[in-house]
Amino acid sequence: MNPAGDRIAALRALRDGPRDGALLRFALGRALLDAGDAAAAAPEFERAIGFDPAYSAAWQGLGEALAAAGRFVDAIAAYERGIAAAESRGDVQAAKVMHVRRRRLQITWRTPSL
């Protein structure tokens, strides 16, 4: 197995155990996304958000995964919710990044603002 695959396998082994939580699911989602498996990454980011609905990095990761999977309208919606989460926590940089990514998707795919 390759290092990325080893990392993914190790993170998957920790799911549903005492260490399961937003950070673990975020790390797994990021590892899957970095490995090019956006379809598998999205549910992990969703699970991270389930543990912590205000986790702005997980919302950003979800938007990235959905966009990479070709689910552009869903990605825009994730960015919208992520912007709200980031702003509620005062995470200005994450909100700015998601604003830019959302706008790029809206322009590129000519989707209406949600």
PDB file of N, CA and C in Angstrom:
ATOM      1  N   MET A   1       0.844  -1.186   0.000  1.00  0.00           N
ATOM      2  CA  MET A   1       0.000   0.000   0.000  1.00  0.00           C
ATOM      3  C   MET A   1       0.884   1.242   0.000  1.00  0.00           C
ATOM      4  N   ASN A   2       0.377   2.326  -0.497  1.00  0.00           N
ATOM      5  CA  ASN A   2       1.127   3.580  -0.523  1.00  0.00           C
ATOM      6  C   ASN A   2       0.892   4.367   0.767  1.00  0.00           C
ATOM      7  N   PRO A   3       1.711   5.378   1.043  1.00  0.00           N
ATOM      8  CA  PRO A   3       1.547   6.143   2.292  1.00  0.00           C
ATOM      9  C   PRO A   3       0.163   6.763   2.451  1.00  0.00           C
ATOM     10  N   ALA A   4      -0.391   7.295   1.348  1.00  0.00           N
ATOM     11  CA  ALA A   4      -1.740   7.885   1.434  1.00  0.00           C
ATOM     12  C   ALA A   4      -2.763   6.811   1.771  1.00  0.00           C
ATOM     13  N   GLY A   5      -2.624   5.658   1.135  1.00  0.00           N
ATOM     14  CA  GLY A   5      -3.544   4.554   1.419  1.00  0.00           C
ATOM     15  C   GLY A   5      -3.407   4.051   2.846  1.00  0.00           C
ATOM     16  N   ASP A   6      -2.180   4.018   3.349  1.00  0.00           N
ATOM     17  CA  ASP A   6      -1.953   3.602   4.740  1.00  0.00           C
ATOM     18  C   ASP A   6      -2.620   4.580   5.704  1.00  0.00           C
ATOM     19  N   ARG A   7      -2.485   5.860   5.409  1.00  0.00           N
ATOM     20  CA  ARG A   7      -3.098   6.888   6.274  1.00  0.00           C
ATOM     21  C   ARG A   7      -4.616   6.768   6.257  1.00  0.00           C
ATOM     22  N   ILE A   8      -5.169   6.593   5.081  1.00  0.00           N
ATOM     23  CA  ILE A   8      -6.626   6.450   4.965  1.00  0.00           C
ATOM     24  C   ILE A   8      -7.097   5.224   5.726  1.00  0.00           C
ATOM     25  N   ALA A   9      -6.395   4.101   5.576  1.00  0.00           N
ATOM     26  CA  ALA A   9      -6.770   2.869   6.277  1.00  0.00           C
ATOM     27  C   ALA A   9      -6.694   3.060   7.792  1.00  0.00           C
ATOM     28  N   ALA A  10      -5.651   3.736   8.265  1.00  0.00           N
ATOM     29  CA  ALA A  10      -5.505   3.973   9.702  1.00  0.00           C
ATOM     30  C   ALA A  10      -6.631   4.861  10.231  1.00  0.00           C
ATOM     31  N   LEU A  11      -6.992   5.891   9.486  1.00  0.00           N
ATOM     32  CA  LEU A  11      -8.080   6.769   9.913  1.00  0.00           C
ATOM     33  C   LEU A  11      -9.415   6.038   9.887  1.00  0.00           C
ATOM     34  N   ARG A  12      -9.626   5.244   8.859  1.00  0.00           N
ATOM     35  CA  ARG A  12     -10.884   4.476   8.787  1.00  0.00           C
ATOM     36  C   ARG A  12     -11.016   3.509   9.962  1.00  0.00           C
ATOM     37  N   ALA A  13      -9.898   2.958  10.401  1.00  0.00           N
ATOM     38  CA  ALA A  13      -9.926   2.013  11.520  1.00  0.00           C
ATOM     39  C   ALA A  13     -10.364   2.667  12.828  1.00  0.00           C
ATOM     40  N   LEU A  14     -10.201   3.975  12.921  1.00  0.00           N
ATOM     41  CA  LEU A  14     -10.580   4.697  14.135  1.00  0.00           C
ATOM     42  C   LEU A  14     -12.042   5.124  14.165  1.00  0.00           C
ATOM     43  N   ARG A  15     -12.728   5.044  13.022  1.00  0.00           N
ATOM     44  CA  ARG A  15     -14.137   5.451  12.987  1.00  0.00           C
ATOM     45  C   ARG A  15     -14.971   4.597  13.929  1.00  0.00           C
ATOM     46  N   ASP A  16     -15.991   5.219  14.465  1.00  0.00           N
ATOM     47  CA  ASP A  16     -16.967   4.567  15.345  1.00  0.00           C
ATOM     48  C   ASP A  16     -16.359   4.057  16.636  1.00  0.00           C
ATOM     49  N   GLY A  17     -15.171   4.504  16.964  1.00  0.00           N
ATOM     50  CA  GLY A  17     -14.528   4.154  18.224  1.00  0.00           C
ATOM     51  C   GLY A  17     -14.522   5.340  19.161  1.00  0.00           C
ATOM     52  N   PRO A  18     -13.797   5.221  20.259  1.00  0.00           N
ATOM     53  CA  PRO A  18     -13.775   6.305  21.243  1.00  0.00           C
ATOM     54  C   PRO A  18     -13.116   7.591  20.731  1.00  0.00           C
ATOM     55  N   ARG A  19     -12.304   7.499  19.688  1.00  0.00           N
ATOM     56  CA  ARG A  19     -11.643   8.685  19.144  1.00  0.00           C
ATOM     57  C   ARG A  19     -12.409   9.310  17.985  1.00  0.00           C
ATOM     58  N   ASP A  20     -13.545   8.737  17.638  1.00  0.00           N
ATOM     59  CA  ASP A  20     -14.324   9.271  16.523  1.00  0.00           C
ATOM     60  C   ASP A  20     -14.846  10.650  16.902  1.00  0.00           C
ATOM     61  N   GLY A  21     -14.816  11.533  15.937  1.00  0.00           N
ATOM     62  CA  GLY A  21     -15.297  12.882  16.177  1.00  0.00           C
ATOM     63  C   GLY A  21     -15.044  13.750  14.964  1.00  0.00           C
ATOM     64  N   ALA A  22     -15.307  15.027  15.114  1.00  0.00           N
ATOM     65  CA  ALA A  22     -15.191  15.958  14.002  1.00  0.00           C
ATOM     66  C   ALA A  22     -13.785  15.994  13.420  1.00  0.00           C
ATOM     67  N   LEU A  23     -12.781  16.028  14.271  1.00  0.00           N
ATOM     68  CA  LEU A  23     -11.405  16.119  13.787  1.00  0.00           C
ATOM     69  C   LEU A  23     -10.996  14.863  13.024  1.00  0.00           C
ATOM     70  N   LEU A  24     -11.350  13.696  13.519  1.00  0.00           N
ATOM     71  CA  LEU A  24     -11.028  12.448  12.817  1.00  0.00           C
ATOM     72  C   LEU A  24     -11.711  12.401  11.456  1.00  0.00           C
ATOM     73  N   ARG A  25     -12.991  12.724  11.423  1.00  0.00           N
ATOM     74  CA  ARG A  25     -13.725  12.681  10.154  1.00  0.00           C
ATOM     75  C   ARG A  25     -13.205  13.731   9.178  1.00  0.00           C
ATOM     76  N   PHE A  26     -12.822  14.905   9.699  1.00  0.00           N
ATOM     77  CA  PHE A  26     -12.231  15.921   8.836  1.00  0.00           C
ATOM     78  C   PHE A  26     -10.919  15.397   8.249  1.00  0.00           C
ATOM     79  N   ALA A  27     -10.069  14.822   9.083  1.00  0.00           N
ATOM     80  CA  ALA A  27      -8.776  14.303   8.617  1.00  0.00           C
ATOM     81  C   ALA A  27      -8.975  13.218   7.565  1.00  0.00           C
ATOM     82  N   LEU A  28      -9.948  12.351   7.768  1.00  0.00           N
ATOM     83  CA  LEU A  28     -10.228  11.301   6.796  1.00  0.00           C
ATOM     84  C   LEU A  28     -10.760  11.900   5.498  1.00  0.00           C
ATOM     85  N   GLY A  29     -11.666  12.847   5.603  1.00  0.00           N
ATOM     86  CA  GLY A  29     -12.189  13.514   4.408  1.00  0.00           C
ATOM     87  C   GLY A  29     -11.083  14.196   3.627  1.00  0.00           C
ATOM     88  N   ARG A  30     -10.194  14.883   4.324  1.00  0.00           N
ATOM     89  CA  ARG A  30      -9.079  15.579   3.663  1.00  0.00           C
ATOM     90  C   ARG A  30      -8.145  14.570   2.997  1.00  0.00           C
ATOM     91  N   ALA A  31      -7.844  13.467   3.680  1.00  0.00           N
ATOM     92  CA  ALA A  31      -6.959  12.449   3.108  1.00  0.00           C
ATOM     93  C   ALA A  31      -7.575  11.850   1.847  1.00  0.00           C
ATOM     94  N   LEU A  32      -8.872  11.565   1.883  1.00  0.00           N
ATOM     95  CA  LEU A  32      -9.555  11.019   0.714  1.00  0.00           C
ATOM     96  C   LEU A  32      -9.578  12.027  -0.430  1.00  0.00           C
ATOM     97  N   LEU A  33      -9.856  13.276  -0.112  1.00  0.00           N
ATOM     98  CA  LEU A  33      -9.888  14.314  -1.139  1.00  0.00           C
ATOM     99  C   LEU A  33      -8.501  14.489  -1.758  1.00  0.00           C
ATOM    100  N   ASP A  34      -7.480  14.517  -0.922  1.00  0.00           N
ATOM    101  CA  ASP A  34      -6.109  14.648  -1.424  1.00  0.00           C
ATOM    102  C   ASP A  34      -5.701  13.460  -2.286  1.00  0.00           C
ATOM    103  N   ALA A  35      -6.287  12.298  -2.015  1.00  0.00           N
ATOM    104  CA  ALA A  35      -6.000  11.090  -2.800  1.00  0.00           C
ATOM    105  C   ALA A  35      -6.836  11.030  -4.075  1.00  0.00           C
ATOM    106  N   GLY A  36      -7.721  12.016  -4.273  1.00  0.00           N
ATOM    107  CA  GLY A  36      -8.518  12.073  -5.487  1.00  0.00           C
ATOM    108  C   GLY A  36      -9.858  11.375  -5.412  1.00  0.00           C
ATOM    109  N   ASP A  37     -10.287  11.006  -4.213  1.00  0.00           N
ATOM    110  CA  ASP A  37     -11.565  10.312  -4.058  1.00  0.00           C
ATOM    111  C   ASP A  37     -12.602  11.254  -3.435  1.00  0.00           C
ATOM    112  N   ALA A  38     -13.048  12.217  -4.240  1.00  0.00           N
ATOM    113  CA  ALA A  38     -13.987  13.228  -3.762  1.00  0.00           C
ATOM    114  C   ALA A  38     -15.318  12.619  -3.332  1.00  0.00           C
ATOM    115  N   ALA A  39     -15.763  11.592  -4.044  1.00  0.00           N
ATOM    116  CA  ALA A  39     -17.050  10.970  -3.714  1.00  0.00           C
ATOM    117  C   ALA A  39     -17.024  10.339  -2.325  1.00  0.00           C
ATOM    118  N   ALA A  40     -15.914   9.770  -1.930  1.00  0.00           N
ATOM    119  CA  ALA A  40     -15.790   9.179  -0.592  1.00  0.00           C
ATOM    120  C   ALA A  40     -15.491  10.242   0.456  1.00  0.00           C
ATOM    121  N   ALA A  41     -14.867  11.334   0.059  1.00  0.00           N
ATOM    122  CA  ALA A  41     -14.518  12.396   1.002  1.00  0.00           C
ATOM    123  C   ALA A  41     -15.752  13.142   1.498  1.00  0.00           C
ATOM    124  N   ALA A  42     -16.699  13.405   0.613  1.00  0.00           N
ATOM    125  CA  ALA A  42     -17.864  14.225   0.981  1.00  0.00           C
ATOM    126  C   ALA A  42     -18.608  13.685   2.198  1.00  0.00           C
ATOM    127  N   PRO A  43     -18.935  12.384   2.264  1.00  0.00           N
ATOM    128  CA  PRO A  43     -19.647  11.901   3.452  1.00  0.00           C
ATOM    129  C   PRO A  43     -18.837  12.029   4.743  1.00  0.00           C
ATOM    130  N   GLU A  44     -17.524  11.961   4.641  1.00  0.00           N
ATOM    131  CA  GLU A  44     -16.696  12.127   5.844  1.00  0.00           C
ATOM    132  C   GLU A  44     -16.750  13.564   6.337  1.00  0.00           C
ATOM    133  N   PHE A  45     -16.715  14.524   5.421  1.00  0.00           N
ATOM    134  CA  PHE A  45     -16.869  15.922   5.826  1.00  0.00           C
ATOM    135  C   PHE A  45     -18.269  16.148   6.404  1.00  0.00           C
ATOM    136  N   GLU A  46     -19.283  15.525   5.814  1.00  0.00           N
ATOM    137  CA  GLU A  46     -20.646  15.649   6.351  1.00  0.00           C
ATOM    138  C   GLU A  46     -20.727  15.095   7.765  1.00  0.00           C
ATOM    139  N   ARG A  47     -20.033  13.991   8.003  1.00  0.00           N
ATOM    140  CA  ARG A  47     -20.027  13.392   9.347  1.00  0.00           C
ATOM    141  C   ARG A  47     -19.312  14.321  10.326  1.00  0.00           C
ATOM    142  N   ALA A  48     -18.205  14.949   9.888  1.00  0.00           N
ATOM    143  CA  ALA A  48     -17.511  15.914  10.743  1.00  0.00           C
ATOM    144  C   ALA A  48     -18.453  17.043  11.135  1.00  0.00           C
ATOM    145  N   ILE A  49     -19.232  17.516  10.165  1.00  0.00           N
ATOM    146  CA  ILE A  49     -20.195  18.583  10.422  1.00  0.00           C
ATOM    147  C   ILE A  49     -21.293  18.092  11.362  1.00  0.00           C
ATOM    148  N   GLY A  50     -21.642  16.818  11.255  1.00  0.00           N
ATOM    149  CA  GLY A  50     -22.618  16.246  12.174  1.00  0.00           C
ATOM    150  C   GLY A  50     -22.137  16.303  13.619  1.00  0.00           C
ATOM    151  N   PHE A  51     -20.847  16.102  13.819  1.00  0.00           N
ATOM    152  CA  PHE A  51     -20.274  16.211  15.153  1.00  0.00           C
ATOM    153  C   PHE A  51     -20.179  17.666  15.606  1.00  0.00           C
ATOM    154  N   ASP A  52     -19.877  18.568  14.669  1.00  0.00           N
ATOM    155  CA  ASP A  52     -19.700  19.987  15.003  1.00  0.00           C
ATOM    156  C   ASP A  52     -20.209  20.842  13.845  1.00  0.00           C
ATOM    157  N   PRO A  53     -21.471  21.258  13.902  1.00  0.00           N
ATOM    158  CA  PRO A  53     -22.068  22.015  12.794  1.00  0.00           C
ATOM    159  C   PRO A  53     -21.391  23.365  12.505  1.00  0.00           C
ATOM    160  N   ALA A  54     -20.587  23.870  13.418  1.00  0.00           N
ATOM    161  CA  ALA A  54     -19.916  25.148  13.202  1.00  0.00           C
ATOM    162  C   ALA A  54     -18.450  24.972  12.786  1.00  0.00           C
ATOM    163  N   TYR A  55     -18.060  23.768  12.401  1.00  0.00           N
ATOM    164  CA  TYR A  55     -16.678  23.469  12.010  1.00  0.00           C
ATOM    165  C   TYR A  55     -16.461  23.982  10.586  1.00  0.00           C
ATOM    166  N   SER A  56     -15.989  25.214  10.472  1.00  0.00           N
ATOM    167  CA  SER A  56     -15.893  25.865   9.165  1.00  0.00           C
ATOM    168  C   SER A  56     -14.941  25.142   8.216  1.00  0.00           C
ATOM    169  N   ALA A  57     -13.861  24.568   8.704  1.00  0.00           N
ATOM    170  CA  ALA A  57     -12.936  23.837   7.832  1.00  0.00           C
ATOM    171  C   ALA A  57     -13.613  22.618   7.215  1.00  0.00           C
ATOM    172  N   ALA A  58     -14.499  21.976   7.958  1.00  0.00           N
ATOM    173  CA  ALA A  58     -15.231  20.826   7.417  1.00  0.00           C
ATOM    174  C   ALA A  58     -16.212  21.278   6.336  1.00  0.00           C
ATOM    175  N   TRP A  59     -16.849  22.418   6.536  1.00  0.00           N
ATOM    176  CA  TRP A  59     -17.737  22.958   5.497  1.00  0.00           C
ATOM    177  C   TRP A  59     -16.949  23.279   4.238  1.00  0.00           C
ATOM    178  N   GLN A  60     -15.770  23.868   4.427  1.00  0.00           N
ATOM    179  CA  GLN A  60     -14.926  24.191   3.274  1.00  0.00           C
ATOM    180  C   GLN A  60     -14.510  22.907   2.556  1.00  0.00           C
ATOM    181  N   GLY A  61     -14.108  21.895   3.306  1.00  0.00           N
ATOM    182  CA  GLY A  61     -13.742  20.616   2.708  1.00  0.00           C
ATOM    183  C   GLY A  61     -14.903  19.983   1.979  1.00  0.00           C
ATOM    184  N   LEU A  62     -16.098  20.072   2.568  1.00  0.00           N
ATOM    185  CA  LEU A  62     -17.283  19.528   1.914  1.00  0.00           C
ATOM    186  C   LEU A  62     -17.535  20.233   0.594  1.00  0.00           C
ATOM    187  N   GLY A  63     -17.433  21.549   0.583  1.00  0.00           N
ATOM    188  CA  GLY A  63     -17.610  22.294  -0.663  1.00  0.00           C
ATOM    189  C   GLY A  63     -16.605  21.872  -1.718  1.00  0.00           C
ATOM    190  N   GLU A  64     -15.352  21.705  -1.313  1.00  0.00           N
ATOM    191  CA  GLU A  64     -14.312  21.268  -2.246  1.00  0.00           C
ATOM    192  C   GLU A  64     -14.616  19.875  -2.798  1.00  0.00           C
ATOM    193  N   ALA A  65     -15.009  18.965  -1.912  1.00  0.00           N
ATOM    194  CA  ALA A  65     -15.293  17.591  -2.337  1.00  0.00           C
ATOM    195  C   ALA A  65     -16.489  17.550  -3.288  1.00  0.00           C
ATOM    196  N   LEU A  66     -17.535  18.271  -2.961  1.00  0.00           N
ATOM    197  CA  LEU A  66     -18.717  18.281  -3.818  1.00  0.00           C
ATOM    198  C   LEU A  66     -18.408  18.886  -5.180  1.00  0.00           C
ATOM    199  N   ALA A  67     -17.631  19.967  -5.195  1.00  0.00           N
ATOM    200  CA  ALA A  67     -17.240  20.578  -6.469  1.00  0.00           C
ATOM    201  C   ALA A  67     -16.395  19.605  -7.286  1.00  0.00           C
ATOM    202  N   ALA A  68     -15.452  18.935  -6.636  1.00  0.00           N
ATOM    203  CA  ALA A  68     -14.588  17.981  -7.335  1.00  0.00           C
ATOM    204  C   ALA A  68     -15.385  16.798  -7.878  1.00  0.00           C
ATOM    205  N   ALA A  69     -16.494  16.477  -7.214  1.00  0.00           N
ATOM    206  CA  ALA A  69     -17.354  15.382  -7.656  1.00  0.00           C
ATOM    207  C   ALA A  69     -18.373  15.836  -8.703  1.00  0.00           C
ATOM    208  N   GLY A  70     -18.324  17.117  -9.079  1.00  0.00           N
ATOM    209  CA  GLY A  70     -19.236  17.632 -10.093  1.00  0.00           C
ATOM    210  C   GLY A  70     -20.598  18.029  -9.561  1.00  0.00           C
ATOM    211  N   ARG A  71     -20.756  18.095  -8.264  1.00  0.00           N
ATOM    212  CA  ARG A  71     -22.029  18.459  -7.630  1.00  0.00           C
ATOM    213  C   ARG A  71     -21.979  19.949  -7.272  1.00  0.00           C
ATOM    214  N   PHE A  72     -22.037  20.788  -8.308  1.00  0.00           N
ATOM    215  CA  PHE A  72     -21.768  22.213  -8.154  1.00  0.00           C
ATOM    216  C   PHE A  72     -22.813  22.954  -7.335  1.00  0.00           C
ATOM    217  N   VAL A  73     -24.076  22.665  -7.536  1.00  0.00           N
ATOM    218  CA  VAL A  73     -25.126  23.341  -6.763  1.00  0.00           C
ATOM    219  C   VAL A  73     -24.998  22.963  -5.287  1.00  0.00           C
ATOM    220  N   ASP A  74     -24.722  21.689  -5.014  1.00  0.00           N
ATOM    221  CA  ASP A  74     -24.528  21.247  -3.630  1.00  0.00           C
ATOM    222  C   ASP A  74     -23.291  21.895  -3.022  1.00  0.00           C
ATOM    223  N   ALA A  75     -22.235  22.053  -3.820  1.00  0.00           N
ATOM    224  CA  ALA A  75     -21.012  22.697  -3.334  1.00  0.00           C
ATOM    225  C   ALA A  75     -21.288  24.146  -2.955  1.00  0.00           C
ATOM    226  N   ILE A  76     -22.036  24.844  -3.788  1.00  0.00           N
ATOM    227  CA  ILE A  76     -22.382  26.243  -3.491  1.00  0.00           C
ATOM    228  C   ILE A  76     -23.176  26.316  -2.198  1.00  0.00           C
ATOM    229  N   ALA A  77     -24.117  25.405  -2.019  1.00  0.00           N
ATOM    230  CA  ALA A  77     -24.909  25.382  -0.783  1.00  0.00           C
ATOM    231  C   ALA A  77     -24.024  25.094   0.427  1.00  0.00           C
ATOM    232  N   ALA A  78     -23.066  24.188   0.282  1.00  0.00           N
ATOM    233  CA  ALA A  78     -22.143  23.892   1.384  1.00  0.00           C
ATOM    234  C   ALA A  78     -21.310  25.117   1.727  1.00  0.00           C
ATOM    235  N   TYR A  79     -20.828  25.816   0.709  1.00  0.00           N
ATOM    236  CA  TYR A  79     -20.064  27.037   0.968  1.00  0.00           C
ATOM    237  C   TYR A  79     -20.928  28.080   1.671  1.00  0.00           C
ATOM    238  N   GLU A  80     -22.177  28.209   1.266  1.00  0.00           N
ATOM    239  CA  GLU A  80     -23.086  29.171   1.919  1.00  0.00           C
ATOM    240  C   GLU A  80     -23.208  28.853   3.409  1.00  0.00           C
ATOM    241  N   ARG A  81     -23.442  27.607   3.731  1.00  0.00           N
ATOM    242  CA  ARG A  81     -23.589  27.211   5.139  1.00  0.00           C
ATOM    243  C   ARG A  81     -22.257  27.340   5.868  1.00  0.00           C
ATOM    244  N   GLY A  82     -21.172  27.048   5.154  1.00  0.00           N
ATOM    245  CA  GLY A  82     -19.850  27.183   5.746  1.00  0.00           C
ATOM    246  C   GLY A  82     -19.494  28.624   6.053  1.00  0.00           C
ATOM    247  N   ILE A  83     -19.892  29.519   5.182  1.00  0.00           N
ATOM    248  CA  ILE A  83     -19.656  30.946   5.416  1.00  0.00           C
ATOM    249  C   ILE A  83     -20.368  31.381   6.697  1.00  0.00           C
ATOM    250  N   ALA A  84     -21.601  30.946   6.849  1.00  0.00           N
ATOM    251  CA  ALA A  84     -22.357  31.279   8.065  1.00  0.00           C
ATOM    252  C   ALA A  84     -21.675  30.701   9.303  1.00  0.00           C
ATOM    253  N   ALA A  85     -21.208  29.465   9.209  1.00  0.00           N
ATOM    254  CA  ALA A  85     -20.516  28.834  10.337  1.00  0.00           C
ATOM    255  C   ALA A  85     -19.231  29.580  10.668  1.00  0.00           C
ATOM    256  N   ALA A  86     -18.464  29.922   9.647  1.00  0.00           N
ATOM    257  CA  ALA A  86     -17.202  30.632   9.858  1.00  0.00           C
ATOM    258  C   ALA A  86     -17.446  32.001  10.483  1.00  0.00           C
ATOM    259  N   GLU A  87     -18.430  32.695   9.972  1.00  0.00           N
ATOM    260  CA  GLU A  87     -18.723  34.028  10.505  1.00  0.00           C
ATOM    261  C   GLU A  87     -19.211  33.951  11.950  1.00  0.00           C
ATOM    262  N   SER A  88     -19.958  32.898  12.286  1.00  0.00           N
ATOM    263  CA  SER A  88     -20.446  32.757  13.656  1.00  0.00           C
ATOM    264  C   SER A  88     -19.308  32.515  14.642  1.00  0.00           C
ATOM    265  N   ARG A  89     -18.216  31.952  14.163  1.00  0.00           N
ATOM    266  CA  ARG A  89     -17.047  31.690  15.016  1.00  0.00           C
ATOM    267  C   ARG A  89     -15.966  32.754  14.868  1.00  0.00           C
ATOM    268  N   GLY A  90     -16.204  33.730  14.014  1.00  0.00           N
ATOM    269  CA  GLY A  90     -15.200  34.760  13.808  1.00  0.00           C
ATOM    270  C   GLY A  90     -14.022  34.295  12.968  1.00  0.00           C
ATOM    271  N   ASP A  91     -14.218  33.245  12.201  1.00  0.00           N
ATOM    272  CA  ASP A  91     -13.160  32.695  11.347  1.00  0.00           C
ATOM    273  C   ASP A  91     -13.194  33.439  10.009  1.00  0.00           C
ATOM    274  N   VAL A  92     -12.622  34.622  10.008  1.00  0.00           N
ATOM    275  CA  VAL A  92     -12.709  35.527   8.879  1.00  0.00           C
ATOM    276  C   VAL A  92     -12.043  34.940   7.632  1.00  0.00           C
ATOM    277  N   GLN A  93     -10.865  34.347   7.785  1.00  0.00           N
ATOM    278  CA  GLN A  93     -10.143  33.819   6.630  1.00  0.00           C
ATOM    279  C   GLN A  93     -10.925  32.697   5.952  1.00  0.00           C
ATOM    280  N   ALA A  94     -11.467  31.764   6.722  1.00  0.00           N
ATOM    281  CA  ALA A  94     -12.247  30.675   6.134  1.00  0.00           C
ATOM    282  C   ALA A  94     -13.467  31.226   5.399  1.00  0.00           C
ATOM    283  N   ALA A  95     -14.125  32.215   5.981  1.00  0.00           N
ATOM    284  CA  ALA A  95     -15.290  32.819   5.324  1.00  0.00           C
ATOM    285  C   ALA A  95     -14.883  33.452   3.995  1.00  0.00           C
ATOM    286  N   LYS A  96     -13.748  34.149   3.970  1.00  0.00           N
ATOM    287  CA  LYS A  96     -13.278  34.774   2.729  1.00  0.00           C
ATOM    288  C   LYS A  96     -12.995  33.725   1.661  1.00  0.00           C
ATOM    289  N   VAL A  97     -12.312  32.655   2.048  1.00  0.00           N
ATOM    290  CA  VAL A  97     -11.982  31.586   1.086  1.00  0.00           C
ATOM    291  C   VAL A  97     -13.258  30.997   0.505  1.00  0.00           C
ATOM    292  N   MET A  98     -14.229  30.709   1.359  1.00  0.00           N
ATOM    293  CA  MET A  98     -15.476  30.106   0.873  1.00  0.00           C
ATOM    294  C   MET A  98     -16.283  31.081   0.029  1.00  0.00           C
ATOM    295  N   HIS A  99     -16.255  32.375   0.355  1.00  0.00           N
ATOM    296  CA  HIS A  99     -16.917  33.379  -0.497  1.00  0.00           C
ATOM    297  C   HIS A  99     -16.343  33.327  -1.907  1.00  0.00           C
ATOM    298  N   VAL A 100     -15.017  33.298  -2.003  1.00  0.00           N
ATOM    299  CA  VAL A 100     -14.355  33.285  -3.307  1.00  0.00           C
ATOM    300  C   VAL A 100     -14.688  32.010  -4.068  1.00  0.00           C
ATOM    301  N   ARG A 101     -14.603  30.874  -3.404  1.00  0.00           N
ATOM    302  CA  ARG A 101     -14.878  29.596  -4.081  1.00  0.00           C
ATOM    303  C   ARG A 101     -16.334  29.496  -4.523  1.00  0.00           C
ATOM    304  N   ARG A 102     -17.227  29.953  -3.663  1.00  0.00           N
ATOM    305  CA  ARG A 102     -18.650  29.948  -4.036  1.00  0.00           C
ATOM    306  C   ARG A 102     -18.882  30.824  -5.264  1.00  0.00           C
ATOM    307  N   ARG A 103     -18.305  32.006  -5.241  1.00  0.00           N
ATOM    308  CA  ARG A 103     -18.509  32.933  -6.359  1.00  0.00           C
ATOM    309  C   ARG A 103     -17.932  32.372  -7.655  1.00  0.00           C
ATOM    310  N   ARG A 104     -16.767  31.754  -7.575  1.00  0.00           N
ATOM    311  CA  ARG A 104     -16.177  31.142  -8.774  1.00  0.00           C
ATOM    312  C   ARG A 104     -17.081  30.067  -9.352  1.00  0.00           C
ATOM    313  N   LEU A 105     -17.668  29.251  -8.486  1.00  0.00           N
ATOM    314  CA  LEU A 105     -18.598  28.230  -8.985  1.00  0.00           C
ATOM    315  C   LEU A 105     -19.824  28.874  -9.615  1.00  0.00           C
ATOM    316  N   GLN A 106     -20.343  29.914  -8.977  1.00  0.00           N
ATOM    317  CA  GLN A 106     -21.519  30.586  -9.528  1.00  0.00           C
ATOM    318  C   GLN A 106     -21.222  31.171 -10.902  1.00  0.00           C
ATOM    319  N   ILE A 107     -20.054  31.752 -11.055  1.00  0.00           N
ATOM    320  CA  ILE A 107     -19.682  32.339 -12.345  1.00  0.00           C
ATOM    321  C   ILE A 107     -19.418  31.259 -13.376  1.00  0.00           C
ATOM    322  N   THR A 108     -18.629  30.268 -12.993  1.00  0.00           N
ATOM    323  CA  THR A 108     -18.237  29.206 -13.919  1.00  0.00           C
ATOM    324  C   THR A 108     -19.430  28.398 -14.414  1.00  0.00           C
ATOM    325  N   TRP A 109     -20.325  28.072 -13.519  1.00  0.00           N
ATOM    326  CA  TRP A 109     -21.445  27.188 -13.876  1.00  0.00           C
ATOM    327  C   TRP A 109     -22.744  27.946 -14.049  1.00  0.00           C
ATOM    328  N   ARG A 110     -22.664  29.263 -13.944  1.00  0.00           N
ATOM    329  CA  ARG A 110     -23.831  30.131 -14.146  1.00  0.00           C
ATOM    330  C   ARG A 110     -25.032  29.669 -13.325  1.00  0.00           C
ATOM    331  N   THR A 111     -24.750  29.327 -12.091  1.00  0.00           N
ATOM    332  CA  THR A 111     -25.814  28.914 -11.200  1.00  0.00           C
ATOM    333  C   THR A 111     -26.344  30.131 -10.449  1.00  0.00           C
ATOM    334  N   PRO A 112     -27.593  30.149 -10.110  1.00  0.00           N
ATOM    335  CA  PRO A 112     -28.138  31.285  -9.379  1.00  0.00           C
ATOM    336  C   PRO A 112     -27.624  31.291  -7.946  1.00  0.00           C
ATOM    337  N   SER A 113     -27.624  32.451  -7.333  1.00  0.00           N
ATOM    338  CA  SER A 113     -27.291  32.544  -5.918  1.00  0.00           C
ATOM    339  C   SER A 113     -28.344  31.797  -5.139  1.00  0.00           C
ATOM    340  N   LEU A 114     -27.915  31.098  -4.133  1.00  0.00           N
ATOM    341  CA  LEU A 114     -28.857  30.328  -3.307  1.00  0.00           C
ATOM    342  C   LEU A 114     -29.244  31.118  -2.082  1.00  0.00           C
TER     343      LEU A 114
END
